Amino acid sequence: MAMIPLVEPARNEYLAELERKGKRENNFFRMMAHKPEALKNFVPLYGAIMGPGAVDRRTKELVYLAVSFANECAYCSAAHRGSAKKAGLRRKRSGRWRPSSIRISASPSARPFNMRGT
């Protein structure tokens, strides 16, 4: 598998500041830093989505997990498992997170597509 090198914070001042504030290395941001404008636009977008609002953090993380599983994105699924746990979501008794353990209910008119997009 081809590996794309991550951007070092020394090469991107904005990335360096994000990691300094977060007090840890962030491989997601380091990858996104290949496109500095994308990184600069993503951070406020993510903050607006995940910040205070009408929907609680727990529900937002539940949606993130459901979408991560539906998209079969191992990176997103792994990243949001930790965030979900911090937000108060718990695993099923089996001890595993899996798509079948996540259920989102809505009226039939509010859900024109199922998780497979059909």
N, C-alpha and C. Protein backbone atom coordinates (compact mmCIF):
# COMPACT_ATOMS: atom_id res chain seq x y z
N MET A 1 0.85 -1.18 0.00
CA MET A 1 0.00 0.00 0.00
C MET A 1 0.90 1.24 0.00
N ALA A 2 0.59 2.18 -0.85
CA ALA A 2 1.35 3.43 -0.93
C ALA A 2 1.06 4.29 0.29
N MET A 3 2.08 4.90 0.79
CA MET A 3 1.93 5.78 1.95
C MET A 3 2.24 7.22 1.52
N ILE A 4 1.38 8.12 1.90
CA ILE A 4 1.60 9.54 1.62
C ILE A 4 2.24 10.13 2.86
N PRO A 5 3.38 10.78 2.71
CA PRO A 5 4.03 11.35 3.89
C PRO A 5 3.18 12.46 4.51
N LEU A 6 3.21 12.52 5.82
CA LEU A 6 2.48 13.56 6.54
C LEU A 6 3.28 14.85 6.54
N VAL A 7 2.59 15.96 6.58
CA VAL A 7 3.25 17.26 6.64
C VAL A 7 3.74 17.49 8.07
N GLU A 8 4.97 17.90 8.18
CA GLU A 8 5.54 18.21 9.50
C GLU A 8 5.09 19.61 9.92
N PRO A 9 4.78 19.80 11.20
CA PRO A 9 4.34 21.12 11.68
C PRO A 9 5.34 22.24 11.38
N ALA A 10 6.60 21.91 11.28
CA ALA A 10 7.62 22.93 10.97
C ALA A 10 7.40 23.53 9.58
N ARG A 11 6.68 22.81 8.71
CA ARG A 11 6.42 23.29 7.35
C ARG A 11 5.10 24.03 7.22
N ASN A 12 4.29 24.04 8.28
CA ASN A 12 2.97 24.67 8.20
C ASN A 12 2.65 25.29 9.56
N GLU A 13 2.68 26.59 9.62
CA GLU A 13 2.49 27.30 10.88
C GLU A 13 1.10 27.05 11.48
N TYR A 14 0.08 27.01 10.65
CA TYR A 14 -1.29 26.77 11.13
C TYR A 14 -1.40 25.38 11.75
N LEU A 15 -0.82 24.37 11.11
CA LEU A 15 -0.80 23.02 11.64
C LEU A 15 -0.07 22.99 12.98
N ALA A 16 1.06 23.65 13.05
CA ALA A 16 1.83 23.70 14.29
C ALA A 16 0.99 24.31 15.42
N GLU A 17 0.25 25.36 15.12
CA GLU A 17 -0.60 26.00 16.14
C GLU A 17 -1.73 25.06 16.58
N LEU A 18 -2.34 24.35 15.63
CA LEU A 18 -3.41 23.40 15.98
C LEU A 18 -2.89 22.31 16.91
N GLU A 19 -1.72 21.78 16.60
CA GLU A 19 -1.16 20.72 17.44
C GLU A 19 -0.72 21.26 18.79
N ARG A 20 -0.26 22.48 18.81
CA ARG A 20 0.13 23.09 20.08
C ARG A 20 -1.11 23.25 20.97
N LYS A 21 -2.21 23.72 20.39
CA LYS A 21 -3.46 23.88 21.15
C LYS A 21 -4.02 22.53 21.58
N GLY A 22 -3.94 21.53 20.71
CA GLY A 22 -4.47 20.21 21.02
C GLY A 22 -3.54 19.38 21.90
N LYS A 23 -2.31 19.83 22.06
CA LYS A 23 -1.29 19.17 22.88
C LYS A 23 -1.02 17.73 22.43
N ARG A 24 -1.14 17.49 21.12
CA ARG A 24 -0.82 16.17 20.58
C ARG A 24 -0.65 16.25 19.07
N GLU A 25 0.02 15.25 18.52
CA GLU A 25 0.13 15.15 17.07
C GLU A 25 -1.23 14.74 16.52
N ASN A 26 -1.57 15.27 15.36
CA ASN A 26 -2.85 14.95 14.74
C ASN A 26 -2.60 14.55 13.29
N ASN A 27 -2.59 13.23 13.04
CA ASN A 27 -2.29 12.75 11.69
C ASN A 27 -3.33 13.18 10.66
N PHE A 28 -4.58 13.32 11.09
CA PHE A 28 -5.63 13.79 10.18
C PHE A 28 -5.30 15.19 9.69
N PHE A 29 -4.95 16.09 10.60
CA PHE A 29 -4.57 17.45 10.23
C PHE A 29 -3.27 17.45 9.42
N ARG A 30 -2.33 16.59 9.78
CA ARG A 30 -1.05 16.53 9.07
C ARG A 30 -1.25 16.10 7.61
N MET A 31 -2.21 15.22 7.38
CA MET A 31 -2.51 14.81 6.01
C MET A 31 -3.23 15.95 5.29
N MET A 32 -4.19 16.56 5.95
CA MET A 32 -4.96 17.64 5.33
C MET A 32 -4.09 18.86 5.03
N ALA A 33 -2.98 18.98 5.75
CA ALA A 33 -2.09 20.13 5.56
C ALA A 33 -1.41 20.13 4.20
N HIS A 34 -1.53 19.05 3.44
CA HIS A 34 -1.04 19.06 2.06
C HIS A 34 -1.83 20.08 1.24
N LYS A 35 -3.03 20.34 1.67
CA LYS A 35 -3.89 21.38 1.05
C LYS A 35 -4.22 22.39 2.15
N PRO A 36 -3.32 23.37 2.40
CA PRO A 36 -3.49 24.29 3.52
C PRO A 36 -4.85 24.99 3.58
N GLU A 37 -5.41 25.35 2.43
CA GLU A 37 -6.72 26.02 2.44
C GLU A 37 -7.81 25.07 2.92
N ALA A 38 -7.71 23.80 2.55
CA ALA A 38 -8.69 22.82 3.03
C ALA A 38 -8.61 22.70 4.54
N LEU A 39 -7.41 22.64 5.09
CA LEU A 39 -7.24 22.55 6.54
C LEU A 39 -7.80 23.79 7.22
N LYS A 40 -7.47 24.96 6.70
CA LYS A 40 -7.95 26.21 7.30
C LYS A 40 -9.47 26.33 7.25
N ASN A 41 -10.09 25.77 6.24
CA ASN A 41 -11.56 25.82 6.14
C ASN A 41 -12.23 24.70 6.92
N PHE A 42 -11.56 23.56 7.06
CA PHE A 42 -12.15 22.42 7.76
C PHE A 42 -12.31 22.70 9.25
N VAL A 43 -11.32 23.29 9.87
CA VAL A 43 -11.34 23.48 11.33
C VAL A 43 -12.56 24.28 11.79
N PRO A 44 -12.86 25.45 11.21
CA PRO A 44 -14.07 26.16 11.65
C PRO A 44 -15.36 25.43 11.28
N LEU A 45 -15.35 24.71 10.15
CA LEU A 45 -16.54 23.94 9.77
C LEU A 45 -16.80 22.86 10.82
N TYR A 46 -15.78 22.11 11.17
CA TYR A 46 -15.93 21.05 12.17
C TYR A 46 -16.37 21.63 13.51
N GLY A 47 -15.79 22.77 13.88
CA GLY A 47 -16.18 23.43 15.13
C GLY A 47 -17.65 23.84 15.12
N ALA A 48 -18.13 24.32 13.99
CA ALA A 48 -19.53 24.72 13.88
C ALA A 48 -20.45 23.52 13.97
N ILE A 49 -20.03 22.40 13.38
CA ILE A 49 -20.86 21.19 13.41
C ILE A 49 -20.87 20.57 14.80
N MET A 50 -19.71 20.42 15.39
CA MET A 50 -19.59 19.70 16.65
C MET A 50 -19.72 20.59 17.89
N GLY A 51 -19.74 21.89 17.70
CA GLY A 51 -19.85 22.80 18.83
C GLY A 51 -21.26 22.86 19.39
N PRO A 52 -21.48 23.74 20.34
CA PRO A 52 -22.81 23.87 20.95
C PRO A 52 -23.88 24.18 19.91
N GLY A 53 -25.05 23.61 20.14
CA GLY A 53 -26.15 23.82 19.20
C GLY A 53 -27.39 23.07 19.65
N ALA A 54 -28.33 22.93 18.76
CA ALA A 54 -29.60 22.30 19.09
C ALA A 54 -29.47 20.79 19.29
N VAL A 55 -28.44 20.17 18.71
CA VAL A 55 -28.24 18.73 18.82
C VAL A 55 -27.10 18.47 19.81
N ASP A 56 -27.33 17.55 20.73
CA ASP A 56 -26.31 17.27 21.75
C ASP A 56 -25.12 16.51 21.16
N ARG A 57 -24.00 16.59 21.84
CA ARG A 57 -22.73 16.00 21.38
C ARG A 57 -22.87 14.49 21.17
N ARG A 58 -23.57 13.82 22.06
CA ARG A 58 -23.75 12.37 21.98
C ARG A 58 -24.42 11.98 20.64
N THR A 59 -25.46 12.70 20.28
CA THR A 59 -26.17 12.42 19.03
C THR A 59 -25.27 12.70 17.83
N LYS A 60 -24.52 13.78 17.89
CA LYS A 60 -23.60 14.11 16.79
C LYS A 60 -22.57 13.00 16.60
N GLU A 61 -22.03 12.48 17.68
CA GLU A 61 -21.05 11.40 17.58
C GLU A 61 -21.70 10.12 17.06
N LEU A 62 -22.94 9.88 17.45
CA LEU A 62 -23.67 8.72 16.95
C LEU A 62 -23.83 8.80 15.44
N VAL A 63 -24.17 9.97 14.95
CA VAL A 63 -24.30 10.16 13.50
C VAL A 63 -22.95 9.98 12.82
N TYR A 64 -21.88 10.56 13.39
CA TYR A 64 -20.54 10.38 12.83
C TYR A 64 -20.18 8.90 12.73
N LEU A 65 -20.47 8.12 13.79
CA LEU A 65 -20.16 6.70 13.76
C LEU A 65 -20.97 5.98 12.69
N ALA A 66 -22.26 6.28 12.61
CA ALA A 66 -23.12 5.62 11.62
C ALA A 66 -22.62 5.90 10.20
N VAL A 67 -22.26 7.14 9.93
CA VAL A 67 -21.76 7.50 8.59
C VAL A 67 -20.39 6.85 8.34
N SER A 68 -19.54 6.80 9.36
CA SER A 68 -18.24 6.16 9.21
C SER A 68 -18.39 4.69 8.86
N PHE A 69 -19.31 4.00 9.55
CA PHE A 69 -19.56 2.59 9.25
C PHE A 69 -20.17 2.44 7.86
N ALA A 70 -21.12 3.28 7.53
CA ALA A 70 -21.78 3.19 6.21
C ALA A 70 -20.78 3.42 5.08
N ASN A 71 -19.83 4.32 5.29
CA ASN A 71 -18.80 4.61 4.28
C ASN A 71 -17.64 3.63 4.34
N GLU A 72 -17.68 2.73 5.32
CA GLU A 72 -16.61 1.76 5.54
C GLU A 72 -15.25 2.43 5.66
N CYS A 73 -15.23 3.54 6.38
CA CYS A 73 -13.99 4.29 6.59
C CYS A 73 -13.38 3.88 7.94
N ALA A 74 -12.36 3.04 7.87
CA ALA A 74 -11.73 2.53 9.09
C ALA A 74 -11.14 3.65 9.92
N TYR A 75 -10.53 4.64 9.26
CA TYR A 75 -9.92 5.75 10.00
C TYR A 75 -10.98 6.53 10.77
N CYS A 76 -12.06 6.91 10.09
CA CYS A 76 -13.13 7.69 10.74
C CYS A 76 -13.79 6.89 11.85
N SER A 77 -14.04 5.61 11.59
CA SER A 77 -14.67 4.76 12.60
C SER A 77 -13.80 4.70 13.85
N ALA A 78 -12.50 4.48 13.67
CA ALA A 78 -11.59 4.41 14.82
C ALA A 78 -11.52 5.74 15.55
N ALA A 79 -11.42 6.82 14.81
CA ALA A 79 -11.31 8.14 15.44
C ALA A 79 -12.55 8.49 16.24
N HIS A 80 -13.71 8.17 15.70
CA HIS A 80 -14.94 8.57 16.38
C HIS A 80 -15.40 7.59 17.45
N ARG A 81 -14.80 6.41 17.51
CA ARG A 81 -15.09 5.52 18.64
C ARG A 81 -14.65 6.18 19.94
N GLY A 82 -13.45 6.75 19.93
CA GLY A 82 -12.94 7.43 21.12
C GLY A 82 -13.78 8.65 21.48
N SER A 83 -14.14 9.44 20.48
CA SER A 83 -14.97 10.62 20.71
C SER A 83 -16.35 10.22 21.22
N ALA A 84 -16.88 9.13 20.68
CA ALA A 84 -18.21 8.66 21.10
C ALA A 84 -18.18 8.23 22.56
N LYS A 85 -17.12 7.55 22.94
CA LYS A 85 -17.00 7.10 24.33
C LYS A 85 -16.94 8.31 25.27
N LYS A 86 -16.17 9.32 24.88
CA LYS A 86 -16.08 10.55 25.69
C LYS A 86 -17.43 11.26 25.79
N ALA A 87 -18.24 11.11 24.73
CA ALA A 87 -19.55 11.78 24.70
C ALA A 87 -20.63 10.97 25.44
N GLY A 88 -20.25 9.80 25.96
CA GLY A 88 -21.19 9.03 26.75
C GLY A 88 -21.83 7.84 26.05
N LEU A 89 -21.43 7.55 24.82
CA LEU A 89 -21.94 6.37 24.12
C LEU A 89 -21.19 5.15 24.62
N ARG A 90 -21.89 4.04 24.73
CA ARG A 90 -21.29 2.81 25.20
C ARG A 90 -21.47 1.70 24.17
N ARG A 91 -20.56 0.76 24.19
CA ARG A 91 -20.62 -0.38 23.28
C ARG A 91 -21.70 -1.36 23.72
N LYS A 92 -22.09 -2.21 22.79
CA LYS A 92 -22.99 -3.31 23.11
C LYS A 92 -22.25 -4.29 24.02
N ARG A 93 -22.99 -5.23 24.59
CA ARG A 93 -22.40 -6.21 25.50
C ARG A 93 -21.25 -6.99 24.87
N SER A 94 -21.25 -7.15 23.57
CA SER A 94 -20.17 -7.90 22.91
C SER A 94 -18.84 -7.19 23.01
N GLY A 95 -18.87 -5.90 23.38
CA GLY A 95 -17.64 -5.13 23.50
C GLY A 95 -17.14 -4.57 22.19
N ARG A 96 -17.94 -4.72 21.12
CA ARG A 96 -17.51 -4.23 19.80
C ARG A 96 -18.48 -3.17 19.30
N TRP A 97 -17.93 -2.21 18.60
CA TRP A 97 -18.77 -1.27 17.86
C TRP A 97 -19.00 -1.92 16.51
N ARG A 98 -20.20 -1.89 16.03
CA ARG A 98 -20.48 -2.43 14.71
C ARG A 98 -21.69 -1.71 14.13
N PRO A 99 -21.81 -1.71 12.81
CA PRO A 99 -22.92 -0.98 12.19
C PRO A 99 -24.28 -1.42 12.70
N SER A 100 -24.47 -2.70 12.97
CA SER A 100 -25.79 -3.16 13.40
C SER A 100 -26.15 -2.67 14.80
N SER A 101 -25.15 -2.18 15.56
CA SER A 101 -25.45 -1.69 16.91
C SER A 101 -25.86 -0.22 16.89
N ILE A 102 -25.82 0.40 15.72
CA ILE A 102 -26.18 1.81 15.61
C ILE A 102 -27.49 1.90 14.85
N ARG A 103 -28.47 2.47 15.47
CA ARG A 103 -29.77 2.62 14.84
C ARG A 103 -30.19 4.08 14.91
N ILE A 104 -30.59 4.61 13.78
CA ILE A 104 -31.09 5.98 13.73
C ILE A 104 -32.50 5.90 13.19
N SER A 105 -33.45 6.37 13.96
CA SER A 105 -34.85 6.31 13.55
C SER A 105 -35.31 7.66 13.04
N ALA A 106 -36.14 7.62 12.03
CA ALA A 106 -36.75 8.83 11.49
C ALA A 106 -38.04 8.42 10.80
N SER A 107 -38.91 9.37 10.60
CA SER A 107 -40.15 9.05 9.90
C SER A 107 -39.81 8.67 8.46
N PRO A 108 -40.64 7.87 7.80
CA PRO A 108 -40.33 7.45 6.42
C PRO A 108 -40.06 8.62 5.48
N SER A 109 -40.75 9.74 5.67
CA SER A 109 -40.52 10.88 4.78
C SER A 109 -39.19 11.56 5.04
N ALA A 110 -38.62 11.35 6.22
CA ALA A 110 -37.35 12.00 6.57
C ALA A 110 -36.16 11.16 6.16
N ARG A 111 -36.39 9.95 5.68
CA ARG A 111 -35.26 9.10 5.30
C ARG A 111 -35.48 8.47 3.93
N PRO A 112 -35.19 9.22 2.88
CA PRO A 112 -35.41 8.71 1.54
C PRO A 112 -34.43 7.61 1.14
N PHE A 113 -33.29 7.48 1.86
CA PHE A 113 -32.29 6.48 1.53
C PHE A 113 -31.98 5.66 2.76
N ASN A 114 -31.72 4.37 2.58
CA ASN A 114 -31.26 3.58 3.69
C ASN A 114 -29.74 3.73 3.78
N MET A 115 -29.09 3.02 4.70
CA MET A 115 -27.66 3.18 4.91
C MET A 115 -26.85 2.73 3.70
N ARG A 116 -27.44 1.95 2.79
CA ARG A 116 -26.72 1.53 1.58
C ARG A 116 -26.93 2.51 0.44
N GLY A 117 -27.71 3.56 0.66
CA GLY A 117 -27.92 4.59 -0.36
C GLY A 117 -28.96 4.23 -1.40
N THR A 118 -29.80 3.23 -1.11
CA THR A 118 -30.81 2.83 -2.10
C THR A 118 -32.18 3.26 -1.65
